[in-house]
Amino acid sequence: MTEDDEAAFDEFLAARSTALLRTAILVCGASPHDAEDLVQNALEKIYRHWSRIRHDNPESYARKVVVNAAISVSRRRRVIQEITFARPPETPIDSPDVELRDTLLAELRRLPARMRAVLVLRYWEDLSENETAALMGCSAGTVKSQAARGLARIRARMGTLEGAWG
């Protein structure tokens, strides 16, 4: 790898590693430590191929490696774990509803791995249906249906929980 490649990889790492970690935590529902391991392994793959991918879309490639690894881990391990964040989000929000956030994250963890990945990529990462489909290797129609079903499941469960809160 050339010095220029090394510098570009270091810049990419500084700019995107936290976002990749959050994506890994959300997609696989892993502990922060497991997600860090997953991202570290993904970054090793990215580093090995950096000279080839750096001029294309390295962020998309990195996200795809992380999401695919997270789905694989999630399939192997069906244990639901608590999601916590190692670092605070970049943009604070006014008076967060922590109970609602925790409930939403718990409901997200209950979804199948690919459905959870679709929701994270579409609504957390703010990717389009086509970008999500390309990243996951499926059709835009599959992304639409998985997102609709996932949101419907969460809404139905949240409605049931809302009745219990009231």
C-alpha atoms as a PDB file:
ATOM      1  CA  MET A   1       0.000   0.000   0.000  1.00  0.00           C
ATOM      2  CA  THR A   2       1.335   3.427  -0.899  1.00  0.00           C
ATOM      3  CA  GLU A   3       1.712   6.311   1.543  1.00  0.00           C
ATOM      4  CA  ASP A   4      -1.200   8.018  -0.200  1.00  0.00           C
ATOM      5  CA  ASP A   5      -3.366   4.911   0.332  1.00  0.00           C
ATOM      6  CA  GLU A   6      -2.302   4.762   3.984  1.00  0.00           C
ATOM      7  CA  ALA A   7      -3.248   8.406   4.522  1.00  0.00           C
ATOM      8  CA  ALA A   8      -6.602   7.962   2.779  1.00  0.00           C
ATOM      9  CA  PHE A   9      -7.366   4.863   4.869  1.00  0.00           C
ATOM     10  CA  ASP A  10      -6.467   6.737   8.087  1.00  0.00           C
ATOM     11  CA  GLU A  11      -8.830   9.560   7.093  1.00  0.00           C
ATOM     12  CA  PHE A  12     -11.606   7.083   6.314  1.00  0.00           C
ATOM     13  CA  LEU A  13     -11.045   5.312   9.625  1.00  0.00           C
ATOM     14  CA  ALA A  14     -11.207   8.567  11.591  1.00  0.00           C
ATOM     15  CA  ALA A  15     -14.361   9.690   9.805  1.00  0.00           C
ATOM     16  CA  ARG A  16     -16.411   6.467   9.706  1.00  0.00           C
ATOM     17  CA  SER A  17     -15.336   4.040  12.450  1.00  0.00           C
ATOM     18  CA  THR A  18     -17.858   5.296  15.024  1.00  0.00           C
ATOM     19  CA  ALA A  19     -20.730   5.098  12.541  1.00  0.00           C
ATOM     20  CA  LEU A  20     -19.681   1.575  11.545  1.00  0.00           C
ATOM     21  CA  LEU A  21     -19.616   0.584  15.221  1.00  0.00           C
ATOM     22  CA  ARG A  22     -23.142   1.927  15.789  1.00  0.00           C
ATOM     23  CA  THR A  23     -24.374   0.105  12.704  1.00  0.00           C
ATOM     24  CA  ALA A  24     -22.840  -3.149  13.950  1.00  0.00           C
ATOM     25  CA  ILE A  25     -24.403  -2.751  17.393  1.00  0.00           C
ATOM     26  CA  LEU A  26     -27.847  -2.033  15.944  1.00  0.00           C
ATOM     27  CA  VAL A  27     -27.836  -4.672  13.221  1.00  0.00           C
ATOM     28  CA  CYS A  28     -26.694  -7.623  15.304  1.00  0.00           C
ATOM     29  CA  GLY A  29     -27.810  -6.490  18.759  1.00  0.00           C
ATOM     30  CA  ALA A  30     -24.340  -7.327  20.027  1.00  0.00           C
ATOM     31  CA  SER A  31     -22.573  -5.987  23.065  1.00  0.00           C
ATOM     32  CA  PRO A  32     -20.300  -3.045  22.333  1.00  0.00           C
ATOM     33  CA  HIS A  33     -17.274  -5.302  22.775  1.00  0.00           C
ATOM     34  CA  ASP A  34     -18.565  -7.881  20.283  1.00  0.00           C
ATOM     35  CA  ALA A  35     -19.485  -5.117  17.851  1.00  0.00           C
ATOM     36  CA  GLU A  36     -15.993  -3.620  18.188  1.00  0.00           C
ATOM     37  CA  ASP A  37     -14.508  -7.021  17.308  1.00  0.00           C
ATOM     38  CA  LEU A  38     -16.835  -7.317  14.334  1.00  0.00           C
ATOM     39  CA  VAL A  39     -15.908  -3.830  13.081  1.00  0.00           C
ATOM     40  CA  GLN A  40     -12.206  -4.509  13.654  1.00  0.00           C
ATOM     41  CA  ASN A  41     -12.419  -7.661  11.520  1.00  0.00           C
ATOM     42  CA  ALA A  42     -14.338  -5.753   8.849  1.00  0.00           C
ATOM     43  CA  LEU A  43     -11.735  -2.970   8.846  1.00  0.00           C
ATOM     44  CA  GLU A  44      -8.984  -5.547   8.365  1.00  0.00           C
ATOM     45  CA  LYS A  45     -10.772  -6.768   5.215  1.00  0.00           C
ATOM     46  CA  ILE A  46     -11.241  -3.213   4.029  1.00  0.00           C
ATOM     47  CA  TYR A  47      -7.568  -2.426   4.640  1.00  0.00           C
ATOM     48  CA  ARG A  48      -6.462  -5.429   2.574  1.00  0.00           C
ATOM     49  CA  HIS A  49      -8.558  -4.225  -0.380  1.00  0.00           C
ATOM     50  CA  TRP A  50      -8.168  -0.485   0.198  1.00  0.00           C
ATOM     51  CA  SER A  51      -6.139   0.317  -2.920  1.00  0.00           C
ATOM     52  CA  ARG A  52      -8.915  -1.252  -5.036  1.00  0.00           C
ATOM     53  CA  ILE A  53     -11.957   0.213  -3.246  1.00  0.00           C
ATOM     54  CA  ARG A  54     -10.739   3.633  -2.134  1.00  0.00           C
ATOM     55  CA  HIS A  55     -11.667   5.322  -5.418  1.00  0.00           C
ATOM     56  CA  ASP A  56     -15.081   3.669  -5.662  1.00  0.00           C
ATOM     57  CA  ASN A  57     -17.328   4.011  -2.637  1.00  0.00           C
ATOM     58  CA  PRO A  58     -15.373   2.849   0.426  1.00  0.00           C
ATOM     59  CA  GLU A  59     -18.146   3.827   2.846  1.00  0.00           C
ATOM     60  CA  SER A  60     -20.676   1.626   1.057  1.00  0.00           C
ATOM     61  CA  TYR A  61     -18.181  -1.236   0.855  1.00  0.00           C
ATOM     62  CA  ALA A  62     -17.358  -0.910   4.565  1.00  0.00           C
ATOM     63  CA  ARG A  63     -21.027  -0.780   5.548  1.00  0.00           C
ATOM     64  CA  LYS A  64     -21.713  -3.878   3.447  1.00  0.00           C
ATOM     65  CA  VAL A  65     -18.861  -5.807   5.078  1.00  0.00           C
ATOM     66  CA  VAL A  66     -20.080  -4.803   8.557  1.00  0.00           C
ATOM     67  CA  VAL A  67     -23.753  -5.581   7.849  1.00  0.00           C
ATOM     68  CA  ASN A  68     -22.967  -8.967   6.286  1.00  0.00           C
ATOM     69  CA  ALA A  69     -20.706  -9.895   9.205  1.00  0.00           C
ATOM     70  CA  ALA A  70     -23.323  -8.707  11.710  1.00  0.00           C
ATOM     71  CA  ILE A  71     -26.046 -10.777  10.044  1.00  0.00           C
ATOM     72  CA  SER A  72     -23.766 -13.831  10.063  1.00  0.00           C
ATOM     73  CA  VAL A  73     -23.012 -13.361  13.758  1.00  0.00           C
ATOM     74  CA  SER A  74     -26.692 -12.836  14.512  1.00  0.00           C
ATOM     75  CA  ARG A  75     -27.623 -16.045  12.719  1.00  0.00           C
ATOM     76  CA  ARG A  76     -25.048 -18.022  14.669  1.00  0.00           C
ATOM     77  CA  ARG A  77     -25.989 -16.519  17.991  1.00  0.00           C
ATOM     78  CA  ARG A  78     -29.682 -16.177  18.760  1.00  0.00           C
ATOM     79  CA  VAL A  79     -29.090 -14.738  22.237  1.00  0.00           C
ATOM     80  CA  ILE A  80     -30.687 -11.355  22.829  1.00  0.00           C
ATOM     81  CA  GLN A  81     -28.300  -8.961  24.551  1.00  0.00           C
ATOM     82  CA  GLU A  82     -28.654  -5.452  25.849  1.00  0.00           C
ATOM     83  CA  ILE A  83     -27.622  -2.714  23.436  1.00  0.00           C
ATOM     84  CA  THR A  84     -25.504   0.076  24.894  1.00  0.00           C
ATOM     85  CA  PHE A  85     -23.452   2.745  23.215  1.00  0.00           C
ATOM     86  CA  ALA A  86     -19.755   3.155  23.882  1.00  0.00           C
ATOM     87  CA  ARG A  87     -19.811   6.786  22.749  1.00  0.00           C
ATOM     88  CA  PRO A  88     -22.555   9.405  22.834  1.00  0.00           C
ATOM     89  CA  PRO A  89     -24.184  10.307  19.507  1.00  0.00           C
ATOM     90  CA  GLU A  90     -22.652  13.210  17.580  1.00  0.00           C
ATOM     91  CA  THR A  91     -25.814  15.297  17.717  1.00  0.00           C
ATOM     92  CA  PRO A  92     -27.646  15.667  21.012  1.00  0.00           C
ATOM     93  CA  ILE A  93     -31.429  15.733  21.017  1.00  0.00           C
ATOM     94  CA  ASP A  94     -33.663  17.728  23.295  1.00  0.00           C
ATOM     95  CA  SER A  95     -35.038  15.811  26.279  1.00  0.00           C
ATOM     96  CA  PRO A  96     -34.713  12.247  24.967  1.00  0.00           C
ATOM     97  CA  ASP A  97     -37.335   9.735  25.986  1.00  0.00           C
ATOM     98  CA  VAL A  98     -34.943   7.089  27.280  1.00  0.00           C
ATOM     99  CA  GLU A  99     -37.706   4.622  28.111  1.00  0.00           C
ATOM    100  CA  LEU A 100     -39.136   4.857  24.586  1.00  0.00           C
ATOM    101  CA  ARG A 101     -35.664   4.486  23.031  1.00  0.00           C
ATOM    102  CA  ASP A 102     -34.927   1.404  25.131  1.00  0.00           C
ATOM    103  CA  THR A 103     -38.285  -0.106  24.213  1.00  0.00           C
ATOM    104  CA  LEU A 104     -37.734   0.573  20.507  1.00  0.00           C
ATOM    105  CA  LEU A 105     -34.256  -0.981  20.632  1.00  0.00           C
ATOM    106  CA  ALA A 106     -35.652  -4.031  22.421  1.00  0.00           C
ATOM    107  CA  GLU A 107     -38.313  -4.411  19.733  1.00  0.00           C
ATOM    108  CA  LEU A 108     -35.703  -3.975  17.018  1.00  0.00           C
ATOM    109  CA  ARG A 109     -33.658  -6.817  18.570  1.00  0.00           C
ATOM    110  CA  ARG A 110     -36.710  -9.098  18.399  1.00  0.00           C
ATOM    111  CA  LEU A 111     -36.835  -8.886  14.605  1.00  0.00           C
ATOM    112  CA  PRO A 112     -35.067 -11.400  12.340  1.00  0.00           C
ATOM    113  CA  ALA A 113     -31.518 -10.353  11.395  1.00  0.00           C
ATOM    114  CA  ARG A 114     -32.173  -9.343   7.756  1.00  0.00           C
ATOM    115  CA  MET A 115     -35.337  -7.420   8.653  1.00  0.00           C
ATOM    116  CA  ARG A 116     -33.447  -5.637  11.432  1.00  0.00           C
ATOM    117  CA  ALA A 117     -30.637  -4.837   8.966  1.00  0.00           C
ATOM    118  CA  VAL A 118     -33.135  -3.338   6.494  1.00  0.00           C
ATOM    119  CA  LEU A 119     -34.636  -1.078   9.176  1.00  0.00           C
ATOM    120  CA  VAL A 120     -31.232   0.036  10.464  1.00  0.00           C
ATOM    121  CA  LEU A 121     -29.933   0.806   6.978  1.00  0.00           C
ATOM    122  CA  ARG A 122     -33.118   2.550   5.803  1.00  0.00           C
ATOM    123  CA  TYR A 123     -33.982   4.575   8.902  1.00  0.00           C
ATOM    124  CA  TRP A 124     -30.801   4.819  10.999  1.00  0.00           C
ATOM    125  CA  GLU A 125     -28.257   5.069   8.175  1.00  0.00           C
ATOM    126  CA  ASP A 126     -30.814   6.922   5.991  1.00  0.00           C
ATOM    127  CA  LEU A 127     -30.053   4.899   2.862  1.00  0.00           C
ATOM    128  CA  SER A 128     -32.526   4.773  -0.005  1.00  0.00           C
ATOM    129  CA  GLU A 129     -34.367   1.574  -0.851  1.00  0.00           C
ATOM    130  CA  ASN A 130     -32.083   1.047  -3.850  1.00  0.00           C
ATOM    131  CA  GLU A 131     -28.916   1.660  -1.818  1.00  0.00           C
ATOM    132  CA  THR A 132     -30.121  -0.730   0.879  1.00  0.00           C
ATOM    133  CA  ALA A 133     -31.020  -3.349  -1.733  1.00  0.00           C
ATOM    134  CA  ALA A 134     -27.611  -3.073  -3.385  1.00  0.00           C
ATOM    135  CA  LEU A 135     -25.837  -3.309  -0.054  1.00  0.00           C
ATOM    136  CA  MET A 136     -27.816  -6.364   1.039  1.00  0.00           C
ATOM    137  CA  GLY A 137     -27.790  -8.078  -2.342  1.00  0.00           C
ATOM    138  CA  CYS A 138     -31.554  -8.189  -2.794  1.00  0.00           C
ATOM    139  CA  SER A 139     -34.236  -6.336  -4.748  1.00  0.00           C
ATOM    140  CA  ALA A 140     -35.736  -2.973  -3.818  1.00  0.00           C
ATOM    141  CA  GLY A 141     -39.082  -4.783  -3.489  1.00  0.00           C
ATOM    142  CA  THR A 142     -37.594  -7.045  -0.824  1.00  0.00           C
ATOM    143  CA  VAL A 143     -36.322  -3.987   1.043  1.00  0.00           C
ATOM    144  CA  LYS A 144     -39.786  -2.385   0.846  1.00  0.00           C
ATOM    145  CA  SER A 145     -41.567  -5.492   2.087  1.00  0.00           C
ATOM    146  CA  GLN A 146     -39.034  -6.201   4.856  1.00  0.00           C
ATOM    147  CA  ALA A 147     -39.208  -2.583   6.038  1.00  0.00           C
ATOM    148  CA  ALA A 148     -43.014  -2.577   5.981  1.00  0.00           C
ATOM    149  CA  ARG A 149     -43.252  -5.881   7.852  1.00  0.00           C
ATOM    150  CA  GLY A 150     -40.627  -4.854  10.386  1.00  0.00           C
ATOM    151  CA  LEU A 151     -42.295  -1.529  11.098  1.00  0.00           C
ATOM    152  CA  ALA A 152     -45.696  -3.232  11.338  1.00  0.00           C
ATOM    153  CA  ARG A 153     -44.340  -5.711  13.890  1.00  0.00           C
ATOM    154  CA  ILE A 154     -42.797  -2.946  15.963  1.00  0.00           C
ATOM    155  CA  ARG A 155     -45.958  -0.811  15.776  1.00  0.00           C
ATOM    156  CA  ALA A 156     -48.176  -3.734  16.771  1.00  0.00           C
ATOM    157  CA  ARG A 157     -45.961  -4.610  19.709  1.00  0.00           C
ATOM    158  CA  MET A 158     -45.624  -0.953  20.754  1.00  0.00           C
ATOM    159  CA  GLY A 159     -49.432  -0.626  20.665  1.00  0.00           C
ATOM    160  CA  THR A 160     -49.696  -3.621  22.995  1.00  0.00           C
ATOM    161  CA  LEU A 161     -47.063  -2.164  25.297  1.00  0.00           C
ATOM    162  CA  GLU A 162     -48.730   1.271  25.233  1.00  0.00           C
ATOM    163  CA  GLY A 163     -51.878  -0.323  26.627  1.00  0.00           C
ATOM    164  CA  ALA A 164     -49.813  -1.806  29.435  1.00  0.00           C
ATOM    165  CA  TRP A 165     -48.267   1.593  30.240  1.00  0.00           C
ATOM    166  CA  GLY A 166     -51.548   3.463  30.395  1.00  0.00           C
END
